[in-house]
Amino acid sequence: MRAPRVALCALLAVLLLAEAEVRVEAAVTCRPIELSSCVSAITSATPPSTLCCSKIKEQRPCLCQYLRNPNLKKFVNSPNARKVASTCGTPFPKC
């Protein structure tokens, strides 16, 4: 009876790890539209919202990718974008 319990626990542990891995991958999906809540803070120098700050933190691993995109570079690399990131406590990456 003990062997089936151990096997069941091992299976549950594997499933939980697999689910956690999927969540991590989903958290770093690079989608520039996720930063739309920051547009007003970047373009008009208004203070960033809580949502903006959470999205910048979430999308931080993607910023270098965005900087390589000519259509996004001027938006992401602007002085105001760097100021918003700083205000949100998110260090701007060195790409």
N, C-alpha and C. Protein backbone atom coordinates (compact mmCIF):
# COMPACT_ATOMS: atom_id res chain seq x y z
N MET A 1 0.82 -1.19 0.00
CA MET A 1 0.00 0.00 0.00
C MET A 1 0.87 1.27 0.00
N ARG A 2 2.05 1.20 0.57
CA ARG A 2 2.94 2.36 0.67
C ARG A 2 3.47 2.78 -0.70
N ALA A 3 3.80 1.84 -1.57
CA ALA A 3 4.35 2.15 -2.89
C ALA A 3 3.38 2.99 -3.73
N PRO A 4 2.09 2.66 -3.79
CA PRO A 4 1.18 3.51 -4.57
C PRO A 4 1.10 4.94 -4.04
N ARG A 5 1.19 5.11 -2.73
CA ARG A 5 1.15 6.47 -2.16
C ARG A 5 2.37 7.27 -2.57
N VAL A 6 3.52 6.63 -2.53
CA VAL A 6 4.76 7.31 -2.92
C VAL A 6 4.70 7.69 -4.40
N ALA A 7 4.20 6.79 -5.23
CA ALA A 7 4.07 7.07 -6.66
C ALA A 7 3.08 8.20 -6.90
N LEU A 8 2.01 8.22 -6.16
CA LEU A 8 1.02 9.28 -6.31
C LEU A 8 1.60 10.63 -5.88
N CYS A 9 2.34 10.64 -4.79
CA CYS A 9 2.97 11.89 -4.33
C CYS A 9 3.99 12.38 -5.35
N ALA A 10 4.76 11.46 -5.93
CA ALA A 10 5.75 11.84 -6.93
C ALA A 10 5.06 12.42 -8.16
N LEU A 11 3.97 11.79 -8.58
CA LEU A 11 3.22 12.29 -9.73
C LEU A 11 2.65 13.68 -9.46
N LEU A 12 2.11 13.89 -8.28
CA LEU A 12 1.57 15.21 -7.93
C LEU A 12 2.68 16.26 -7.91
N ALA A 13 3.84 15.90 -7.40
CA ALA A 13 4.96 16.85 -7.38
C ALA A 13 5.37 17.23 -8.79
N VAL A 14 5.44 16.26 -9.69
CA VAL A 14 5.80 16.54 -11.08
C VAL A 14 4.77 17.44 -11.74
N LEU A 15 3.50 17.16 -11.51
CA LEU A 15 2.44 17.99 -12.08
C LEU A 15 2.48 19.42 -11.55
N LEU A 16 2.74 19.58 -10.27
CA LEU A 16 2.83 20.92 -9.69
C LEU A 16 4.02 21.69 -10.26
N LEU A 17 5.15 21.02 -10.44
CA LEU A 17 6.32 21.67 -11.04
C LEU A 17 6.05 22.06 -12.48
N ALA A 18 5.38 21.19 -13.22
CA ALA A 18 5.06 21.50 -14.62
C ALA A 18 4.12 22.70 -14.69
N GLU A 19 3.15 22.76 -13.80
CA GLU A 19 2.22 23.89 -13.78
C GLU A 19 2.95 25.18 -13.43
N ALA A 20 3.87 25.13 -12.49
CA ALA A 20 4.64 26.31 -12.11
C ALA A 20 5.49 26.79 -13.27
N GLU A 21 6.06 25.87 -14.03
CA GLU A 21 6.88 26.24 -15.18
C GLU A 21 6.04 26.93 -16.23
N VAL A 22 4.83 26.46 -16.47
CA VAL A 22 3.94 27.09 -17.44
C VAL A 22 3.60 28.51 -16.99
N ARG A 23 3.36 28.71 -15.70
CA ARG A 23 3.04 30.04 -15.19
C ARG A 23 4.20 31.00 -15.39
N VAL A 24 5.43 30.54 -15.16
CA VAL A 24 6.60 31.40 -15.35
C VAL A 24 6.71 31.80 -16.81
N GLU A 25 6.54 30.86 -17.72
CA GLU A 25 6.61 31.19 -19.14
C GLU A 25 5.53 32.18 -19.53
N ALA A 26 4.35 32.01 -19.00
CA ALA A 26 3.25 32.91 -19.33
C ALA A 26 3.51 34.31 -18.79
N ALA A 27 4.21 34.41 -17.68
CA ALA A 27 4.47 35.71 -17.06
C ALA A 27 5.42 36.56 -17.89
N VAL A 28 6.26 35.95 -18.71
CA VAL A 28 7.23 36.72 -19.48
C VAL A 28 6.91 36.74 -20.97
N THR A 29 5.67 36.53 -21.33
CA THR A 29 5.28 36.65 -22.72
C THR A 29 5.41 38.11 -23.14
N CYS A 30 6.23 38.36 -24.14
CA CYS A 30 6.51 39.73 -24.57
C CYS A 30 5.40 40.23 -25.50
N ARG A 31 4.62 41.15 -24.98
CA ARG A 31 3.56 41.78 -25.76
C ARG A 31 3.58 43.27 -25.46
N PRO A 32 4.05 44.07 -26.39
CA PRO A 32 4.16 45.52 -26.15
C PRO A 32 2.83 46.16 -25.74
N ILE A 33 1.73 45.61 -26.17
CA ILE A 33 0.42 46.17 -25.82
C ILE A 33 0.20 46.18 -24.30
N GLU A 34 0.93 45.30 -23.60
CA GLU A 34 0.82 45.26 -22.14
C GLU A 34 1.27 46.57 -21.49
N LEU A 35 2.06 47.36 -22.22
CA LEU A 35 2.53 48.63 -21.69
C LEU A 35 1.62 49.81 -22.03
N SER A 36 0.46 49.54 -22.59
CA SER A 36 -0.44 50.61 -23.00
C SER A 36 -0.89 51.47 -21.81
N SER A 37 -0.92 50.90 -20.63
CA SER A 37 -1.31 51.68 -19.45
C SER A 37 -0.25 52.72 -19.08
N CYS A 38 0.91 52.66 -19.72
CA CYS A 38 2.00 53.60 -19.44
C CYS A 38 2.09 54.73 -20.47
N VAL A 39 1.28 54.68 -21.51
CA VAL A 39 1.39 55.66 -22.59
C VAL A 39 1.29 57.09 -22.07
N SER A 40 0.29 57.38 -21.27
CA SER A 40 0.14 58.77 -20.80
C SER A 40 1.31 59.18 -19.91
N ALA A 41 1.82 58.29 -19.11
CA ALA A 41 2.96 58.62 -18.24
C ALA A 41 4.21 58.89 -19.07
N ILE A 42 4.36 58.17 -20.16
CA ILE A 42 5.56 58.33 -20.99
C ILE A 42 5.43 59.53 -21.92
N THR A 43 4.26 59.76 -22.47
CA THR A 43 4.11 60.83 -23.46
C THR A 43 3.83 62.20 -22.85
N SER A 44 3.24 62.25 -21.67
CA SER A 44 2.91 63.56 -21.10
C SER A 44 3.53 63.78 -19.73
N ALA A 45 4.40 62.90 -19.33
CA ALA A 45 5.12 63.02 -18.06
C ALA A 45 4.21 63.08 -16.84
N THR A 46 3.03 62.47 -16.92
CA THR A 46 2.18 62.35 -15.73
C THR A 46 2.71 61.17 -14.90
N PRO A 47 2.45 61.14 -13.62
CA PRO A 47 2.93 60.04 -12.79
C PRO A 47 2.35 58.70 -13.27
N PRO A 48 3.16 57.65 -13.25
CA PRO A 48 2.65 56.34 -13.69
C PRO A 48 1.66 55.77 -12.69
N SER A 49 0.69 55.07 -13.23
CA SER A 49 -0.31 54.42 -12.39
C SER A 49 0.28 53.13 -11.79
N THR A 50 -0.42 52.60 -10.83
CA THR A 50 -0.02 51.33 -10.23
C THR A 50 -0.02 50.23 -11.29
N LEU A 51 -1.02 50.25 -12.17
CA LEU A 51 -1.09 49.26 -13.25
C LEU A 51 0.11 49.39 -14.17
N CYS A 52 0.46 50.62 -14.53
CA CYS A 52 1.62 50.87 -15.38
C CYS A 52 2.87 50.27 -14.74
N CYS A 53 3.08 50.55 -13.48
CA CYS A 53 4.28 50.04 -12.79
C CYS A 53 4.30 48.51 -12.76
N SER A 54 3.16 47.91 -12.52
CA SER A 54 3.15 46.44 -12.49
C SER A 54 3.43 45.87 -13.87
N LYS A 55 2.95 46.54 -14.91
CA LYS A 55 3.20 46.06 -16.28
C LYS A 55 4.66 46.25 -16.68
N ILE A 56 5.27 47.36 -16.25
CA ILE A 56 6.69 47.56 -16.55
C ILE A 56 7.53 46.48 -15.87
N LYS A 57 7.21 46.18 -14.63
CA LYS A 57 7.94 45.11 -13.92
C LYS A 57 7.74 43.78 -14.62
N GLU A 58 6.53 43.52 -15.04
CA GLU A 58 6.22 42.26 -15.72
C GLU A 58 6.94 42.16 -17.07
N GLN A 59 6.98 43.26 -17.80
CA GLN A 59 7.55 43.25 -19.15
C GLN A 59 9.05 43.58 -19.18
N ARG A 60 9.67 43.82 -18.04
CA ARG A 60 11.09 44.19 -18.00
C ARG A 60 11.98 43.23 -18.79
N PRO A 61 11.77 41.90 -18.69
CA PRO A 61 12.63 41.01 -19.47
C PRO A 61 12.50 41.20 -20.99
N CYS A 62 11.47 41.90 -21.41
CA CYS A 62 11.20 42.09 -22.84
C CYS A 62 11.75 43.42 -23.36
N LEU A 63 12.18 44.31 -22.49
CA LEU A 63 12.55 45.65 -22.92
C LEU A 63 13.68 45.65 -23.95
N CYS A 64 14.66 44.78 -23.81
CA CYS A 64 15.75 44.74 -24.80
C CYS A 64 15.20 44.33 -26.17
N GLN A 65 14.27 43.40 -26.17
CA GLN A 65 13.64 42.99 -27.42
C GLN A 65 12.89 44.18 -28.04
N TYR A 66 12.19 44.93 -27.22
CA TYR A 66 11.45 46.10 -27.71
C TYR A 66 12.41 47.16 -28.25
N LEU A 67 13.57 47.30 -27.61
CA LEU A 67 14.55 48.30 -28.07
C LEU A 67 15.14 47.94 -29.43
N ARG A 68 15.14 46.67 -29.77
CA ARG A 68 15.64 46.25 -31.08
C ARG A 68 14.61 46.46 -32.20
N ASN A 69 13.38 46.74 -31.82
CA ASN A 69 12.32 46.96 -32.80
C ASN A 69 12.27 48.45 -33.13
N PRO A 70 12.54 48.83 -34.40
CA PRO A 70 12.57 50.25 -34.76
C PRO A 70 11.27 50.99 -34.45
N ASN A 71 10.14 50.31 -34.51
CA ASN A 71 8.85 50.96 -34.23
C ASN A 71 8.64 51.22 -32.74
N LEU A 72 9.28 50.44 -31.90
CA LEU A 72 9.08 50.58 -30.46
C LEU A 72 10.23 51.32 -29.77
N LYS A 73 11.40 51.32 -30.41
CA LYS A 73 12.60 51.86 -29.78
C LYS A 73 12.41 53.30 -29.30
N LYS A 74 11.85 54.17 -30.14
CA LYS A 74 11.72 55.58 -29.75
C LYS A 74 10.78 55.75 -28.56
N PHE A 75 9.83 54.87 -28.42
CA PHE A 75 8.89 54.91 -27.31
C PHE A 75 9.55 54.38 -26.03
N VAL A 76 10.19 53.22 -26.13
CA VAL A 76 10.77 52.55 -24.97
C VAL A 76 12.05 53.24 -24.49
N ASN A 77 12.79 53.83 -25.41
CA ASN A 77 14.09 54.42 -25.07
C ASN A 77 14.01 55.91 -24.77
N SER A 78 12.83 56.46 -24.69
CA SER A 78 12.70 57.90 -24.43
C SER A 78 13.09 58.23 -22.99
N PRO A 79 13.52 59.46 -22.75
CA PRO A 79 13.84 59.86 -21.37
C PRO A 79 12.66 59.67 -20.42
N ASN A 80 11.46 59.95 -20.89
CA ASN A 80 10.29 59.77 -20.02
C ASN A 80 10.05 58.30 -19.69
N ALA A 81 10.30 57.40 -20.65
CA ALA A 81 10.12 55.97 -20.37
C ALA A 81 11.10 55.53 -19.29
N ARG A 82 12.32 56.02 -19.39
CA ARG A 82 13.33 55.68 -18.37
C ARG A 82 12.93 56.26 -17.01
N LYS A 83 12.36 57.46 -17.02
CA LYS A 83 11.91 58.09 -15.78
C LYS A 83 10.76 57.31 -15.17
N VAL A 84 9.83 56.86 -16.01
CA VAL A 84 8.70 56.07 -15.52
C VAL A 84 9.21 54.77 -14.90
N ALA A 85 10.12 54.10 -15.59
CA ALA A 85 10.68 52.86 -15.05
C ALA A 85 11.35 53.11 -13.71
N SER A 86 12.10 54.19 -13.62
CA SER A 86 12.78 54.54 -12.36
C SER A 86 11.77 54.84 -11.26
N THR A 87 10.73 55.60 -11.60
CA THR A 87 9.68 55.93 -10.63
C THR A 87 9.01 54.66 -10.12
N CYS A 88 8.87 53.67 -11.00
CA CYS A 88 8.23 52.41 -10.63
C CYS A 88 9.18 51.46 -9.90
N GLY A 89 10.44 51.88 -9.75
CA GLY A 89 11.40 51.03 -9.05
C GLY A 89 11.90 49.88 -9.90
N THR A 90 11.85 50.04 -11.21
CA THR A 90 12.29 48.99 -12.12
C THR A 90 13.52 49.47 -12.86
N PRO A 91 14.69 48.89 -12.57
CA PRO A 91 15.90 49.31 -13.26
C PRO A 91 15.79 49.07 -14.78
N PHE A 92 16.22 50.04 -15.55
CA PHE A 92 16.19 49.90 -16.99
C PHE A 92 17.33 48.95 -17.38
N PRO A 93 17.06 47.98 -18.24
CA PRO A 93 18.10 47.00 -18.57
C PRO A 93 19.21 47.60 -19.42
N LYS A 94 20.38 47.01 -19.31
CA LYS A 94 21.49 47.37 -20.20
C LYS A 94 21.54 46.30 -21.27
N CYS A 95 21.20 46.69 -22.48
CA CYS A 95 21.11 45.73 -23.58
C CYS A 95 22.37 45.73 -24.41
